[in-house]
N, C-alpha and C. Protein backbone atom coordinates (compact mmCIF):
# COMPACT_ATOMS: atom_id res chain seq x y z
N MET A 1 4.04 -18.05 -2.45
CA MET A 1 2.78 -17.85 -2.52
C MET A 1 2.66 -16.02 -2.45
N PHE A 2 1.62 -15.69 -3.06
CA PHE A 2 1.44 -14.22 -3.37
C PHE A 2 0.11 -13.71 -3.06
N ALA A 3 -0.13 -12.33 -2.74
CA ALA A 3 -1.35 -11.52 -2.73
C ALA A 3 -1.48 -10.66 -3.35
N VAL A 4 -2.74 -10.10 -3.89
CA VAL A 4 -2.79 -8.61 -4.13
C VAL A 4 -3.84 -8.01 -2.94
N ILE A 5 -3.32 -7.04 -2.45
CA ILE A 5 -4.23 -6.26 -1.38
C ILE A 5 -4.60 -4.58 -1.96
N ARG A 6 -5.39 -4.46 -1.26
CA ARG A 6 -6.00 -3.01 -1.66
C ARG A 6 -5.97 -2.01 -0.54
N THR A 7 -5.25 -0.96 -0.44
CA THR A 7 -5.00 -0.27 0.71
C THR A 7 -4.62 1.31 0.24
N GLY A 8 -5.38 2.20 0.95
CA GLY A 8 -4.99 3.62 0.46
C GLY A 8 -5.58 3.90 -1.05
N GLY A 9 -6.43 3.23 -1.50
CA GLY A 9 -7.13 3.45 -2.97
C GLY A 9 -5.84 3.10 -3.82
N LYS A 10 -4.91 2.21 -3.50
CA LYS A 10 -4.01 1.49 -4.58
C LYS A 10 -4.19 0.19 -4.28
N GLN A 11 -3.37 -0.71 -5.21
CA GLN A 11 -3.21 -2.16 -4.98
C GLN A 11 -1.77 -2.54 -5.15
N TYR A 12 -1.41 -3.62 -4.48
CA TYR A 12 -0.21 -3.74 -4.27
C TYR A 12 -0.06 -5.52 -4.29
N LYS A 13 0.95 -6.16 -5.03
CA LYS A 13 1.37 -7.43 -4.97
C LYS A 13 2.35 -7.79 -3.98
N VAL A 14 1.89 -8.53 -3.33
CA VAL A 14 3.05 -8.81 -2.04
C VAL A 14 3.31 -10.17 -1.92
N ALA A 15 4.34 -10.45 -1.17
CA ALA A 15 4.79 -11.93 -0.92
C ALA A 15 5.26 -11.94 0.47
N PRO A 16 5.54 -12.87 1.27
CA PRO A 16 5.99 -12.81 2.45
C PRO A 16 7.53 -12.26 2.43
N ASP A 17 7.76 -11.53 3.48
CA ASP A 17 8.94 -10.99 3.69
C ASP A 17 9.16 -9.58 2.46
N ASP A 18 8.12 -9.39 1.94
CA ASP A 18 8.16 -8.01 1.20
C ASP A 18 7.99 -6.80 1.84
N VAL A 19 8.93 -5.68 1.50
CA VAL A 19 8.69 -4.40 2.37
C VAL A 19 8.32 -3.30 1.18
N ILE A 20 7.00 -2.90 1.50
CA ILE A 20 6.19 -1.84 0.72
C ILE A 20 6.01 -0.53 1.50
N ALA A 21 5.86 0.40 0.72
CA ALA A 21 5.48 1.65 1.29
C ALA A 21 4.01 1.89 0.96
N VAL A 22 3.36 2.07 1.95
CA VAL A 22 1.62 2.59 1.50
C VAL A 22 1.30 3.81 2.27
N GLU A 23 0.02 4.08 1.82
CA GLU A 23 -0.18 5.41 2.33
C GLU A 23 -0.41 5.42 4.04
N ARG A 24 -0.42 6.52 4.38
CA ARG A 24 -0.17 6.41 5.92
C ARG A 24 -1.02 5.57 6.73
N LEU A 25 -0.72 4.71 7.64
CA LEU A 25 -1.84 4.06 8.42
C LEU A 25 -1.41 4.15 9.87
N ASP A 26 -2.65 3.91 10.70
CA ASP A 26 -2.37 4.40 11.98
C ASP A 26 -1.80 3.22 12.77
N GLY A 27 -0.99 3.40 13.73
CA GLY A 27 -0.28 2.44 14.51
C GLY A 27 1.26 2.63 14.69
N GLU A 28 1.77 2.30 15.92
CA GLU A 28 3.24 2.55 16.16
C GLU A 28 4.34 1.36 15.44
N PRO A 29 5.34 2.02 15.17
CA PRO A 29 6.38 1.12 14.82
C PRO A 29 6.74 -0.31 15.70
N GLY A 30 6.48 -1.41 14.84
CA GLY A 30 6.74 -2.65 15.56
C GLY A 30 5.32 -3.39 15.85
N ALA A 31 4.34 -2.48 15.68
CA ALA A 31 2.96 -3.06 15.77
C ALA A 31 2.48 -4.23 14.56
N THR A 32 1.71 -4.93 14.72
CA THR A 32 1.17 -5.67 13.85
C THR A 32 -0.14 -5.27 13.22
N ILE A 33 -0.30 -5.34 11.79
CA ILE A 33 -1.22 -4.85 11.14
C ILE A 33 -1.89 -5.75 10.25
N GLU A 34 -3.20 -6.05 10.40
CA GLU A 34 -3.97 -6.98 9.75
C GLU A 34 -4.61 -6.38 8.36
N LEU A 35 -4.50 -6.76 7.43
CA LEU A 35 -4.96 -6.10 6.09
C LEU A 35 -6.04 -7.04 5.40
N ALA A 36 -7.08 -6.49 5.33
CA ALA A 36 -8.29 -7.59 5.01
C ALA A 36 -8.77 -7.52 3.73
N ASP A 37 -8.42 -6.46 2.95
CA ASP A 37 -8.86 -6.14 1.81
C ASP A 37 -7.85 -6.93 0.57
N VAL A 38 -8.12 -8.18 0.65
CA VAL A 38 -7.28 -9.03 -0.14
C VAL A 38 -8.27 -9.59 -1.30
N LEU A 39 -7.60 -8.74 -2.65
CA LEU A 39 -8.47 -9.04 -4.01
C LEU A 39 -8.15 -10.72 -4.43
N MET A 40 -6.75 -10.97 -4.43
CA MET A 40 -6.61 -12.02 -4.95
C MET A 40 -5.37 -12.95 -4.30
N ILE A 41 -5.26 -14.20 -4.36
CA ILE A 41 -4.23 -15.04 -3.55
C ILE A 41 -3.83 -16.27 -4.80
N GLY A 42 -2.53 -16.25 -4.87
CA GLY A 42 -2.07 -17.31 -5.81
C GLY A 42 -0.89 -18.05 -4.77
N ASP A 43 -0.86 -19.44 -5.48
CA ASP A 43 0.44 -19.98 -4.67
C ASP A 43 1.11 -20.75 -5.79
N GLY A 44 1.40 -20.26 -7.07
CA GLY A 44 2.10 -21.15 -8.04
C GLY A 44 1.32 -21.95 -8.84
N THR A 45 0.29 -22.89 -8.38
CA THR A 45 -0.59 -23.61 -9.15
C THR A 45 -2.02 -23.16 -9.04
N ALA A 46 -2.61 -22.82 -7.88
CA ALA A 46 -3.92 -22.14 -8.08
C ALA A 46 -3.91 -21.08 -7.54
N ILE A 47 -4.97 -20.20 -7.98
CA ILE A 47 -5.07 -18.94 -7.93
C ILE A 47 -6.74 -18.85 -7.58
N SER A 48 -6.82 -18.05 -6.36
CA SER A 48 -8.19 -17.64 -6.11
C SER A 48 -8.47 -16.20 -6.28
N ILE A 49 -9.66 -15.51 -6.72
CA ILE A 49 -9.74 -14.34 -7.40
C ILE A 49 -11.29 -14.04 -6.58
N GLY A 50 -11.14 -12.76 -5.88
CA GLY A 50 -12.18 -12.35 -5.17
C GLY A 50 -13.27 -11.65 -5.91
N ALA A 51 -14.48 -11.41 -5.44
CA ALA A 51 -15.46 -10.80 -6.18
C ALA A 51 -16.20 -9.88 -5.20
N PRO A 52 -15.80 -8.83 -4.66
CA PRO A 52 -14.35 -8.13 -4.99
C PRO A 52 -13.40 -8.53 -4.04
N LEU A 53 -13.89 -9.44 -2.97
CA LEU A 53 -12.63 -9.68 -2.15
C LEU A 53 -12.62 -11.31 -1.72
N VAL A 54 -11.35 -11.81 -1.72
CA VAL A 54 -11.32 -13.22 -1.17
C VAL A 54 -11.85 -13.33 0.39
N ALA A 55 -12.98 -14.10 0.38
CA ALA A 55 -13.78 -14.41 1.71
C ALA A 55 -12.58 -15.18 2.62
N GLY A 56 -12.61 -14.47 3.68
CA GLY A 56 -11.60 -14.90 4.91
C GLY A 56 -10.12 -14.83 5.00
N ALA A 57 -9.69 -14.34 3.79
CA ALA A 57 -8.28 -14.06 3.33
C ALA A 57 -7.70 -12.74 4.35
N LEU A 58 -6.47 -12.93 4.67
CA LEU A 58 -5.89 -12.12 5.26
C LEU A 58 -4.52 -12.24 5.34
N VAL A 59 -4.01 -10.70 5.31
CA VAL A 59 -2.49 -10.48 5.34
C VAL A 59 -1.87 -9.84 6.43
N SER A 60 -1.05 -10.37 7.15
CA SER A 60 -0.31 -9.86 8.43
C SER A 60 0.73 -9.06 8.17
N ALA A 61 1.10 -7.91 8.46
CA ALA A 61 2.31 -6.90 8.06
C ALA A 61 2.84 -6.57 9.53
N GLU A 62 4.27 -6.31 9.69
CA GLU A 62 4.68 -5.58 10.58
C GLU A 62 5.11 -4.03 10.24
N LEU A 63 4.57 -3.09 10.92
CA LEU A 63 4.98 -1.76 10.92
C LEU A 63 6.31 -1.46 11.23
N VAL A 64 6.91 -0.84 10.30
CA VAL A 64 8.29 -0.88 10.19
C VAL A 64 8.77 0.80 10.62
N GLU A 65 8.08 1.63 9.91
CA GLU A 65 8.30 3.32 10.30
C GLU A 65 7.33 3.86 9.64
N HIS A 66 7.10 5.08 9.71
CA HIS A 66 6.51 6.19 9.41
C HIS A 66 7.52 6.84 8.59
N ARG A 67 7.31 7.54 7.51
CA ARG A 67 8.20 8.53 6.80
C ARG A 67 7.19 9.38 5.83
N ARG A 68 8.13 10.34 5.12
CA ARG A 68 7.55 11.02 4.16
C ARG A 68 8.21 10.74 2.65
N ALA A 69 7.56 10.64 1.52
CA ALA A 69 7.85 10.62 0.27
C ALA A 69 8.88 11.67 -0.15
N ASP A 70 9.40 11.30 -1.18
CA ASP A 70 10.16 12.64 -1.95
C ASP A 70 9.24 13.50 -2.01
N LYS A 71 9.89 14.82 -2.37
CA LYS A 71 9.13 15.94 -2.52
C LYS A 71 8.78 15.89 -4.33
N ILE A 72 7.55 16.20 -4.13
CA ILE A 72 7.09 16.70 -5.71
C ILE A 72 6.98 18.19 -5.92
N ILE A 73 7.30 18.83 -7.08
CA ILE A 73 6.98 20.13 -7.42
C ILE A 73 5.66 20.32 -8.14
N VAL A 74 4.72 21.13 -7.82
CA VAL A 74 3.67 21.68 -8.15
C VAL A 74 3.92 22.77 -9.01
N PHE A 75 3.80 22.92 -10.08
CA PHE A 75 4.27 24.19 -10.82
C PHE A 75 2.95 24.56 -11.80
N LYS A 76 2.43 25.86 -11.58
CA LYS A 76 1.48 25.93 -12.58
C LYS A 76 1.66 27.43 -13.04
N LYS A 77 1.49 27.37 -14.64
CA LYS A 77 1.81 28.58 -15.23
C LYS A 77 0.78 28.82 -16.38
N LYS A 78 0.49 30.05 -16.45
CA LYS A 78 -0.64 30.59 -17.72
C LYS A 78 0.32 31.56 -18.29
N ARG A 79 0.64 31.16 -19.75
CA ARG A 79 1.78 31.95 -20.35
C ARG A 79 0.94 33.20 -20.69
N ARG A 80 1.64 34.46 -20.74
CA ARG A 80 1.48 35.71 -21.09
C ARG A 80 0.42 36.43 -20.12
N HIS A 81 0.53 35.88 -18.95
CA HIS A 81 -0.39 36.34 -18.07
C HIS A 81 0.24 36.76 -16.65
N ASN A 82 1.66 36.59 -16.75
CA ASN A 82 2.38 36.72 -15.67
C ASN A 82 1.96 35.89 -14.23
N TYR A 83 1.47 34.61 -14.51
CA TYR A 83 1.01 33.84 -13.72
C TYR A 83 1.87 32.41 -13.22
N ARG A 84 2.42 32.49 -12.13
CA ARG A 84 3.26 31.45 -12.03
C ARG A 84 3.02 31.08 -10.15
N ARG A 85 2.82 29.83 -10.13
CA ARG A 85 2.90 29.36 -8.67
C ARG A 85 3.41 28.19 -8.61
N LYS A 86 4.49 28.01 -7.49
CA LYS A 86 5.10 26.84 -7.15
C LYS A 86 4.79 26.46 -6.00
N ASN A 87 4.52 25.04 -5.62
CA ASN A 87 4.34 24.54 -4.50
C ASN A 87 4.77 23.27 -4.44
N GLY A 88 5.45 22.67 -3.13
CA GLY A 88 5.75 21.33 -3.00
C GLY A 88 4.95 20.67 -2.01
N HIS A 89 5.23 19.24 -2.37
CA HIS A 89 4.40 18.51 -1.46
C HIS A 89 4.98 17.14 -1.47
N ARG A 90 5.05 16.61 -0.04
CA ARG A 90 5.45 15.41 0.42
C ARG A 90 4.60 14.65 1.22
N GLN A 91 4.19 13.32 0.68
CA GLN A 91 2.73 12.62 0.96
C GLN A 91 3.52 11.69 2.41
N HIS A 92 2.80 11.48 3.30
CA HIS A 92 3.09 10.80 4.44
C HIS A 92 3.04 9.14 3.97
N GLN A 93 3.77 8.61 4.60
CA GLN A 93 3.80 6.85 3.98
C GLN A 93 4.04 6.05 5.37
N THR A 94 3.72 4.96 5.36
CA THR A 94 4.13 3.72 6.11
C THR A 94 4.60 2.90 5.58
N VAL A 95 5.77 2.23 6.24
CA VAL A 95 6.59 1.44 5.47
C VAL A 95 6.07 -0.11 6.30
N LEU A 96 5.49 -1.17 5.50
CA LEU A 96 5.15 -2.35 5.97
C LEU A 96 6.18 -3.50 5.61
N ARG A 97 6.25 -4.51 6.39
CA ARG A 97 6.80 -5.73 6.07
C ARG A 97 5.94 -6.62 6.13
N ILE A 98 5.91 -7.46 4.83
CA ILE A 98 4.58 -8.66 5.13
C ILE A 98 5.16 -9.84 5.52
N THR A 99 4.06 -10.25 6.68
CA THR A 99 4.65 -11.26 7.66
C THR A 99 4.18 -12.70 7.21
N GLU A 100 2.63 -12.49 6.79
CA GLU A 100 2.13 -13.70 6.31
C GLU A 100 0.82 -13.48 5.64
N ILE A 101 0.60 -14.65 4.90
CA ILE A 101 -0.66 -14.45 3.99
C ILE A 101 -1.26 -15.78 4.41
N ARG A 102 -2.61 -15.54 4.64
CA ARG A 102 -3.39 -16.56 5.14
C ARG A 102 -4.63 -16.67 4.04
N SER A 103 -4.91 -17.75 3.63
CA SER A 103 -5.88 -17.71 2.63
C SER A 103 -7.62 -18.07 3.40
N GLY A 104 -8.50 -17.79 2.79
CA GLY A 104 -10.02 -18.07 3.37
C GLY A 104 -10.37 -19.73 3.55
N SER A 105 -9.57 -20.66 2.89
CA SER A 105 -9.77 -21.91 3.03
C SER A 105 -9.15 -22.64 4.03
């Protein structure tokens, strides 16, 4: 069984026991998080697609840890104007372990 969920403005295809890194969510490590923005659920033969969400569907996940992603370098330059700016950025992430996928029916 799999589901497509939406969190942090992005979509993720998940299955039970998957470990994913998403945008920062509130909660303490070890807590259970319910993700209600389920766009699609499939189980091999039957697929249910929401418009835009699948009614009553829910994905449960365990919050594993909070961390920061790898650093990305933001470099701006305008040639022949002696303009150079260098910045770094590390996005905050939450690591989730998917425990259960419940369909609406």
